[in-house]
Amino acid sequence: MTKKSSIEFEDMNLQVGVRLQIMSSQSANPTVHYTTLIGFVPGEYLLLKIPQENGAMAQGENVIIRVFSGVSVFTFSSKIESVVTAPRAFLLLEFPNAIQKVGLRKAVRVKANLPVKIKSGSDPKNFKMATLSDISLSGALVSTARPLGTSGDLIDIEFTLRDQASDRDVTITTTASIRSVQQSAGSTADGATFHTVYSHGINFHDIGAADQVILQNFVYETLLIHRT
């Protein structure tokens, strides 16, 4: 991630319905909860949905809010002024006075362990299954039992990511070029059987704008999970 910088609330360009992370700032190892922005009055307050986990947030609690927009992570502190349950359920928070922005570099990689289909350009119904071992905004590491090709070769791949914003699975299909191939020894979970693993570094070529946002969110969410 790039260097943090202070920004104004308006610079985040937050829209009603955007998904947020909220966690207590009073715990050394806080639990991350997910919520949604309902509305705000600049300089006065924020309105958020109450996280699904019952009792997760309490009145008077100091919290940290994170939101992802484009290729940046915004973080700010606030305080829960009220937990309203009727006639509508929402959190009333103090308006933030200090916001930090961290740019998400395309080179940042996160562990994935996702199933991926390696498809044939001439016969789309013919494919091989492999594993995405890690992933970034620009490429991934694909692990297979047999080599997929050599450096410079093109492959068609298909994998599925969970879109947290819409809470649904999204299938991404793209072309990628093999950047490198490395051979190593692998084993079964119990360590009883050893086999050869081929790790392919690949670069994505033509991911659409909508799928790119979903990929960005996946990388961002995974980074935050490992940081908290």
C-alpha atoms as a PDB file:
ATOM      1  CA  MET A   1       0.000   0.000   0.000  1.00  0.00           C
ATOM      2  CA  THR A   2       1.092   3.568  -0.607  1.00  0.00           C
ATOM      3  CA  LYS A   3       1.749   6.265   1.963  1.00  0.00           C
ATOM      4  CA  LYS A   4      -1.227   7.502   4.004  1.00  0.00           C
ATOM      5  CA  SER A   5      -2.521  11.042   3.565  1.00  0.00           C
ATOM      6  CA  SER A   6      -5.182  13.118   5.330  1.00  0.00           C
ATOM      7  CA  ILE A   7      -8.246  14.067   3.278  1.00  0.00           C
ATOM      8  CA  GLU A   8     -11.641  15.724   3.635  1.00  0.00           C
ATOM      9  CA  PHE A   9     -14.873  13.747   4.035  1.00  0.00           C
ATOM     10  CA  GLU A  10     -16.133  14.953   0.649  1.00  0.00           C
ATOM     11  CA  ASP A  11     -13.046  13.497  -1.039  1.00  0.00           C
ATOM     12  CA  MET A  12     -14.308   9.961  -0.309  1.00  0.00           C
ATOM     13  CA  ASN A  13     -17.392  10.577  -2.475  1.00  0.00           C
ATOM     14  CA  LEU A  14     -19.401   8.160  -0.323  1.00  0.00           C
ATOM     15  CA  GLN A  15     -22.771   7.080  -1.682  1.00  0.00           C
ATOM     16  CA  VAL A  16     -25.737   5.872   0.356  1.00  0.00           C
ATOM     17  CA  GLY A  17     -25.662   2.066   0.340  1.00  0.00           C
ATOM     18  CA  VAL A  18     -21.876   1.729   0.289  1.00  0.00           C
ATOM     19  CA  ARG A  19     -20.543  -1.196   2.331  1.00  0.00           C
ATOM     20  CA  LEU A  20     -18.326  -0.358   5.318  1.00  0.00           C
ATOM     21  CA  GLN A  21     -16.231  -2.181   7.861  1.00  0.00           C
ATOM     22  CA  ILE A  22     -16.693  -1.213  11.504  1.00  0.00           C
ATOM     23  CA  MET A  23     -14.703  -2.408  14.505  1.00  0.00           C
ATOM     24  CA  SER A  24     -14.100  -1.344  18.096  1.00  0.00           C
ATOM     25  CA  SER A  25     -11.034   0.826  18.668  1.00  0.00           C
ATOM     26  CA  GLN A  26     -10.978  -0.226  22.313  1.00  0.00           C
ATOM     27  CA  SER A  27      -9.807  -3.797  21.650  1.00  0.00           C
ATOM     28  CA  ALA A  28      -6.278  -4.994  20.840  1.00  0.00           C
ATOM     29  CA  ASN A  29      -7.717  -7.632  18.469  1.00  0.00           C
ATOM     30  CA  PRO A  30     -11.095  -6.261  17.331  1.00  0.00           C
ATOM     31  CA  THR A  31     -13.720  -8.244  15.442  1.00  0.00           C
ATOM     32  CA  VAL A  32     -14.540  -6.795  12.030  1.00  0.00           C
ATOM     33  CA  HIS A  33     -18.247  -6.273  11.352  1.00  0.00           C
ATOM     34  CA  TYR A  34     -19.912  -5.172   8.118  1.00  0.00           C
ATOM     35  CA  THR A  35     -22.466  -2.411   7.816  1.00  0.00           C
ATOM     36  CA  THR A  36     -24.012  -0.056   5.239  1.00  0.00           C
ATOM     37  CA  LEU A  37     -24.134   3.734   5.035  1.00  0.00           C
ATOM     38  CA  ILE A  38     -27.736   4.939   5.363  1.00  0.00           C
ATOM     39  CA  GLY A  39     -27.033   8.666   5.257  1.00  0.00           C
ATOM     40  CA  PHE A  40     -25.123  11.582   6.752  1.00  0.00           C
ATOM     41  CA  VAL A  41     -25.262  15.310   7.479  1.00  0.00           C
ATOM     42  CA  PRO A  42     -21.847  16.899   6.833  1.00  0.00           C
ATOM     43  CA  GLY A  43     -20.266  18.160  10.018  1.00  0.00           C
ATOM     44  CA  GLU A  44     -22.987  16.606  12.221  1.00  0.00           C
ATOM     45  CA  TYR A  45     -23.477  12.818  12.087  1.00  0.00           C
ATOM     46  CA  LEU A  46     -23.443   9.522  10.164  1.00  0.00           C
ATOM     47  CA  LEU A  47     -26.230   6.938   9.997  1.00  0.00           C
ATOM     48  CA  LEU A  48     -25.260   3.274   9.569  1.00  0.00           C
ATOM     49  CA  LYS A  49     -27.169   0.009   9.593  1.00  0.00           C
ATOM     50  CA  ILE A  50     -26.699  -2.052  12.742  1.00  0.00           C
ATOM     51  CA  PRO A  51     -24.383  -5.012  11.963  1.00  0.00           C
ATOM     52  CA  GLN A  52     -26.185  -8.344  11.709  1.00  0.00           C
ATOM     53  CA  GLU A  53     -24.339  -9.693  14.757  1.00  0.00           C
ATOM     54  CA  ASN A  54     -26.651  -8.902  17.655  1.00  0.00           C
ATOM     55  CA  GLY A  55     -25.002  -6.729  20.316  1.00  0.00           C
ATOM     56  CA  ALA A  56     -21.891  -6.118  18.211  1.00  0.00           C
ATOM     57  CA  MET A  57     -21.948  -2.338  18.795  1.00  0.00           C
ATOM     58  CA  ALA A  58     -22.871  -0.344  21.904  1.00  0.00           C
ATOM     59  CA  GLN A  59     -23.714   3.290  22.656  1.00  0.00           C
ATOM     60  CA  GLY A  60     -20.638   5.307  23.634  1.00  0.00           C
ATOM     61  CA  GLU A  61     -18.250   2.879  21.939  1.00  0.00           C
ATOM     62  CA  ASN A  62     -15.301   4.305  20.006  1.00  0.00           C
ATOM     63  CA  VAL A  63     -15.025   2.650  16.598  1.00  0.00           C
ATOM     64  CA  ILE A  64     -12.880   2.571  13.475  1.00  0.00           C
ATOM     65  CA  ILE A  65     -14.577   2.716  10.054  1.00  0.00           C
ATOM     66  CA  ARG A  66     -12.994   1.501   6.810  1.00  0.00           C
ATOM     67  CA  VAL A  67     -14.355   1.906   3.304  1.00  0.00           C
ATOM     68  CA  PHE A  68     -12.968   0.982  -0.113  1.00  0.00           C
ATOM     69  CA  SER A  69     -13.439   3.283  -3.083  1.00  0.00           C
ATOM     70  CA  GLY A  70     -11.762   2.730  -6.440  1.00  0.00           C
ATOM     71  CA  VAL A  71      -8.240   1.649  -5.534  1.00  0.00           C
ATOM     72  CA  SER A  72      -8.015   3.386  -2.135  1.00  0.00           C
ATOM     73  CA  VAL A  73      -8.802   2.457   1.457  1.00  0.00           C
ATOM     74  CA  PHE A  74     -10.237   5.214   3.670  1.00  0.00           C
ATOM     75  CA  THR A  75     -10.059   4.907   7.466  1.00  0.00           C
ATOM     76  CA  PHE A  76     -11.506   7.155  10.159  1.00  0.00           C
ATOM     77  CA  SER A  77     -12.435   7.046  13.845  1.00  0.00           C
ATOM     78  CA  SER A  78     -15.826   7.888  15.304  1.00  0.00           C
ATOM     79  CA  LYS A  79     -18.031   7.326  18.361  1.00  0.00           C
ATOM     80  CA  ILE A  80     -21.441   5.679  18.529  1.00  0.00           C
ATOM     81  CA  GLU A  81     -23.769   8.331  19.964  1.00  0.00           C
ATOM     82  CA  SER A  82     -26.867   6.145  19.899  1.00  0.00           C
ATOM     83  CA  VAL A  83     -28.093   2.660  18.969  1.00  0.00           C
ATOM     84  CA  VAL A  84     -31.660   3.061  17.711  1.00  0.00           C
ATOM     85  CA  THR A  85     -33.840  -0.036  17.345  1.00  0.00           C
ATOM     86  CA  ALA A  86     -37.355   1.398  16.779  1.00  0.00           C
ATOM     87  CA  PRO A  87     -39.166   2.281  14.644  1.00  0.00           C
ATOM     88  CA  ARG A  88     -36.095   1.675  12.451  1.00  0.00           C
ATOM     89  CA  ALA A  89     -32.760   0.125  13.438  1.00  0.00           C
ATOM     90  CA  PHE A  90     -29.605   2.170  12.872  1.00  0.00           C
ATOM     91  CA  LEU A  91     -26.422   3.509  14.464  1.00  0.00           C
ATOM     92  CA  LEU A  92     -25.975   7.252  14.990  1.00  0.00           C
ATOM     93  CA  LEU A  93     -22.280   8.165  14.886  1.00  0.00           C
ATOM     94  CA  GLU A  94     -20.259  11.320  15.381  1.00  0.00           C
ATOM     95  CA  PHE A  95     -19.113  12.947  12.150  1.00  0.00           C
ATOM     96  CA  PRO A  96     -15.424  12.133  11.552  1.00  0.00           C
ATOM     97  CA  ASN A  97     -12.866  14.933  11.786  1.00  0.00           C
ATOM     98  CA  ALA A  98      -9.772  13.050  10.604  1.00  0.00           C
ATOM     99  CA  ILE A  99      -9.669  10.683   7.627  1.00  0.00           C
ATOM    100  CA  GLN A 100      -6.732   8.762   6.188  1.00  0.00           C
ATOM    101  CA  LYS A 101      -6.348   7.446   2.658  1.00  0.00           C
ATOM    102  CA  VAL A 102      -4.160   4.517   1.614  1.00  0.00           C
ATOM    103  CA  GLY A 103      -3.669   3.753  -2.074  1.00  0.00           C
ATOM    104  CA  LEU A 104      -3.867   0.087  -3.049  1.00  0.00           C
ATOM    105  CA  ARG A 105      -1.026  -0.764  -5.432  1.00  0.00           C
ATOM    106  CA  LYS A 106      -1.715  -3.123  -8.330  1.00  0.00           C
ATOM    107  CA  ALA A 107       1.269  -5.223  -7.238  1.00  0.00           C
ATOM    108  CA  VAL A 108      -0.128  -6.049  -3.778  1.00  0.00           C
ATOM    109  CA  ARG A 109      -0.798  -9.806  -3.615  1.00  0.00           C
ATOM    110  CA  VAL A 110      -2.989 -11.729  -1.180  1.00  0.00           C
ATOM    111  CA  LYS A 111      -3.342 -15.449  -0.490  1.00  0.00           C
ATOM    112  CA  ALA A 112      -6.313 -16.926  -2.302  1.00  0.00           C
ATOM    113  CA  ASN A 113      -6.623 -20.747  -2.658  1.00  0.00           C
ATOM    114  CA  LEU A 114      -9.390 -20.384  -5.264  1.00  0.00           C
ATOM    115  CA  PRO A 115     -10.396 -23.024  -7.832  1.00  0.00           C
ATOM    116  CA  VAL A 116      -9.819 -21.844 -11.409  1.00  0.00           C
ATOM    117  CA  LYS A 117     -10.743 -23.280 -14.804  1.00  0.00           C
ATOM    118  CA  ILE A 118      -8.063 -23.220 -17.504  1.00  0.00           C
ATOM    119  CA  LYS A 119     -10.154 -23.115 -20.679  1.00  0.00           C
ATOM    120  CA  SER A 120      -9.378 -24.105 -24.238  1.00  0.00           C
ATOM    121  CA  GLY A 121      -9.745 -21.288 -26.767  1.00  0.00           C
ATOM    122  CA  SER A 122     -10.874 -23.686 -29.480  1.00  0.00           C
ATOM    123  CA  ASP A 123     -13.245 -25.713 -27.270  1.00  0.00           C
ATOM    124  CA  PRO A 124     -14.760 -23.681 -24.362  1.00  0.00           C
ATOM    125  CA  LYS A 125     -16.364 -26.815 -22.898  1.00  0.00           C
ATOM    126  CA  ASN A 126     -12.938 -28.418 -22.512  1.00  0.00           C
ATOM    127  CA  PHE A 127     -11.092 -27.177 -19.408  1.00  0.00           C
ATOM    128  CA  LYS A 128      -8.626 -28.146 -16.684  1.00  0.00           C
ATOM    129  CA  MET A 129      -9.045 -27.371 -12.988  1.00  0.00           C
ATOM    130  CA  ALA A 130      -6.235 -25.623 -11.118  1.00  0.00           C
ATOM    131  CA  THR A 131      -5.749 -23.429  -8.031  1.00  0.00           C
ATOM    132  CA  LEU A 132      -5.186 -19.685  -7.706  1.00  0.00           C
ATOM    133  CA  SER A 133      -2.646 -19.611  -4.886  1.00  0.00           C
ATOM    134  CA  ASP A 134      -2.481 -15.823  -4.683  1.00  0.00           C
ATOM    135  CA  ILE A 135      -3.962 -12.904  -6.576  1.00  0.00           C
ATOM    136  CA  SER A 136      -3.432  -9.184  -7.190  1.00  0.00           C
ATOM    137  CA  LEU A 137      -5.132  -6.504  -9.286  1.00  0.00           C
ATOM    138  CA  SER A 138      -2.870  -7.314 -12.213  1.00  0.00           C
ATOM    139  CA  GLY A 139      -2.216 -11.060 -12.016  1.00  0.00           C
ATOM    140  CA  ALA A 140      -2.090 -14.255  -9.998  1.00  0.00           C
ATOM    141  CA  LEU A 141      -0.179 -17.430  -9.201  1.00  0.00           C
ATOM    142  CA  VAL A 142      -1.752 -20.580 -10.675  1.00  0.00           C
ATOM    143  CA  SER A 143      -0.718 -23.980  -9.268  1.00  0.00           C
ATOM    144  CA  THR A 144      -1.195 -27.161 -11.314  1.00  0.00           C
ATOM    145  CA  ALA A 145      -0.014 -30.775 -11.444  1.00  0.00           C
ATOM    146  CA  ARG A 146       1.157 -30.326 -15.054  1.00  0.00           C
ATOM    147  CA  PRO A 147       2.624 -27.284 -16.830  1.00  0.00           C
ATOM    148  CA  LEU A 148       0.162 -25.071 -18.702  1.00  0.00           C
ATOM    149  CA  GLY A 149       2.764 -23.776 -21.120  1.00  0.00           C
ATOM    150  CA  THR A 150       5.879 -21.634 -21.156  1.00  0.00           C
ATOM    151  CA  SER A 151       6.638 -17.955 -20.585  1.00  0.00           C
ATOM    152  CA  GLY A 152       4.757 -15.777 -23.053  1.00  0.00           C
ATOM    153  CA  ASP A 153       1.947 -18.269 -23.766  1.00  0.00           C
ATOM    154  CA  LEU A 154      -1.669 -17.070 -23.498  1.00  0.00           C
ATOM    155  CA  ILE A 155      -4.316 -18.951 -21.496  1.00  0.00           C
ATOM    156  CA  ASP A 156      -8.048 -18.414 -20.892  1.00  0.00           C
ATOM    157  CA  ILE A 157      -9.112 -18.682 -17.245  1.00  0.00           C
ATOM    158  CA  GLU A 158     -12.322 -18.532 -15.250  1.00  0.00           C
ATOM    159  CA  PHE A 159     -12.677 -18.115 -11.479  1.00  0.00           C
ATOM    160  CA  THR A 160     -15.317 -16.987  -8.995  1.00  0.00           C
ATOM    161  CA  LEU A 161     -15.049 -14.271  -6.350  1.00  0.00           C
ATOM    162  CA  ARG A 162     -17.480 -13.274  -3.628  1.00  0.00           C
ATOM    163  CA  ASP A 163     -18.722  -9.718  -4.172  1.00  0.00           C
ATOM    164  CA  GLN A 164     -19.204  -8.367  -0.644  1.00  0.00           C
ATOM    165  CA  ALA A 165     -21.076  -5.279  -1.868  1.00  0.00           C
ATOM    166  CA  SER A 166     -23.912  -7.326  -3.418  1.00  0.00           C
ATOM    167  CA  ASP A 167     -23.331 -10.462  -1.303  1.00  0.00           C
ATOM    168  CA  ARG A 168     -23.194 -12.735  -4.348  1.00  0.00           C
ATOM    169  CA  ASP A 169     -20.694 -14.857  -6.266  1.00  0.00           C
ATOM    170  CA  VAL A 170     -19.352 -13.363  -9.510  1.00  0.00           C
ATOM    171  CA  THR A 171     -17.580 -15.393 -12.196  1.00  0.00           C
ATOM    172  CA  ILE A 172     -14.663 -13.633 -13.883  1.00  0.00           C
ATOM    173  CA  THR A 173     -13.440 -14.808 -17.290  1.00  0.00           C
ATOM    174  CA  THR A 174     -10.266 -13.363 -18.745  1.00  0.00           C
ATOM    175  CA  THR A 175      -7.208 -14.000 -20.885  1.00  0.00           C
ATOM    176  CA  ALA A 176      -3.813 -14.091 -19.183  1.00  0.00           C
ATOM    177  CA  SER A 177      -0.217 -14.461 -20.257  1.00  0.00           C
ATOM    178  CA  ILE A 178       2.208 -16.799 -18.493  1.00  0.00           C
ATOM    179  CA  ARG A 179       5.016 -14.722 -17.026  1.00  0.00           C
ATOM    180  CA  SER A 180       7.001 -17.484 -15.313  1.00  0.00           C
ATOM    181  CA  VAL A 181       6.837 -21.218 -14.499  1.00  0.00           C
ATOM    182  CA  GLN A 182       8.449 -22.761 -11.418  1.00  0.00           C
ATOM    183  CA  GLN A 183       8.549 -26.401 -10.373  1.00  0.00           C
ATOM    184  CA  SER A 184       8.446 -27.501  -6.724  1.00  0.00           C
ATOM    185  CA  ALA A 185       7.501 -30.445  -4.496  1.00  0.00           C
ATOM    186  CA  GLY A 186       4.058 -30.649  -2.957  1.00  0.00           C
ATOM    187  CA  SER A 187       2.312 -33.094  -0.647  1.00  0.00           C
ATOM    188  CA  THR A 188      -1.148 -34.178   0.455  1.00  0.00           C
ATOM    189  CA  ALA A 189      -2.691 -32.681   3.589  1.00  0.00           C
ATOM    190  CA  ASP A 190      -1.488 -35.595   5.733  1.00  0.00           C
ATOM    191  CA  GLY A 191       1.988 -35.485   4.181  1.00  0.00           C
ATOM    192  CA  ALA A 192       1.726 -39.091   3.037  1.00  0.00           C
ATOM    193  CA  THR A 193       2.112 -38.510  -0.695  1.00  0.00           C
ATOM    194  CA  PHE A 194       4.510 -36.177  -2.515  1.00  0.00           C
ATOM    195  CA  HIS A 195       4.013 -34.812  -6.021  1.00  0.00           C
ATOM    196  CA  THR A 196       5.271 -32.137  -8.374  1.00  0.00           C
ATOM    197  CA  VAL A 197       3.612 -28.704  -8.380  1.00  0.00           C
ATOM    198  CA  TYR A 198       3.968 -26.237 -11.251  1.00  0.00           C
ATOM    199  CA  SER A 199       3.475 -22.603 -10.194  1.00  0.00           C
ATOM    200  CA  HIS A 200       2.640 -20.195 -13.014  1.00  0.00           C
ATOM    201  CA  GLY A 201       2.916 -16.447 -12.555  1.00  0.00           C
ATOM    202  CA  ILE A 202       0.320 -14.895 -14.858  1.00  0.00           C
ATOM    203  CA  ASN A 203      -0.723 -11.379 -15.876  1.00  0.00           C
ATOM    204  CA  PHE A 204      -4.390 -10.530 -16.544  1.00  0.00           C
ATOM    205  CA  HIS A 205      -5.138  -8.904 -19.914  1.00  0.00           C
ATOM    206  CA  ASP A 206      -8.775  -7.969 -20.388  1.00  0.00           C
ATOM    207  CA  ILE A 207     -10.758  -7.904 -17.136  1.00  0.00           C
ATOM    208  CA  GLY A 208     -13.797  -5.635 -17.571  1.00  0.00           C
ATOM    209  CA  ALA A 209     -14.345  -2.525 -15.456  1.00  0.00           C
ATOM    210  CA  ALA A 210     -17.115  -4.068 -13.328  1.00  0.00           C
ATOM    211  CA  ASP A 211     -15.108  -7.251 -12.671  1.00  0.00           C
ATOM    212  CA  GLN A 212     -12.031  -5.131 -11.907  1.00  0.00           C
ATOM    213  CA  VAL A 213     -13.948  -3.418  -9.081  1.00  0.00           C
ATOM    214  CA  ILE A 214     -14.969  -6.799  -7.662  1.00  0.00           C
ATOM    215  CA  LEU A 215     -11.345  -7.978  -7.830  1.00  0.00           C
ATOM    216  CA  GLN A 216     -10.221  -4.777  -6.098  1.00  0.00           C
ATOM    217  CA  ASN A 217     -12.766  -5.347  -3.339  1.00  0.00           C
ATOM    218  CA  PHE A 218     -11.647  -8.963  -2.904  1.00  0.00           C
ATOM    219  CA  VAL A 219      -7.982  -7.945  -2.526  1.00  0.00           C
ATOM    220  CA  TYR A 220      -8.939  -5.141  -0.140  1.00  0.00           C
ATOM    221  CA  GLU A 221     -11.179  -7.340   2.020  1.00  0.00           C
ATOM    222  CA  THR A 222      -8.509 -10.052   2.224  1.00  0.00           C
ATOM    223  CA  LEU A 223      -5.845  -7.521   3.217  1.00  0.00           C
ATOM    224  CA  LEU A 224      -8.022  -6.151   6.000  1.00  0.00           C
ATOM    225  CA  ILE A 225      -8.885  -9.617   7.315  1.00  0.00           C
ATOM    226  CA  HIS A 226      -5.183 -10.444   7.667  1.00  0.00           C
ATOM    227  CA  ARG A 227      -4.450  -7.057   9.245  1.00  0.00           C
ATOM    228  CA  THR A 228      -7.070  -7.327  11.984  1.00  0.00           C
END
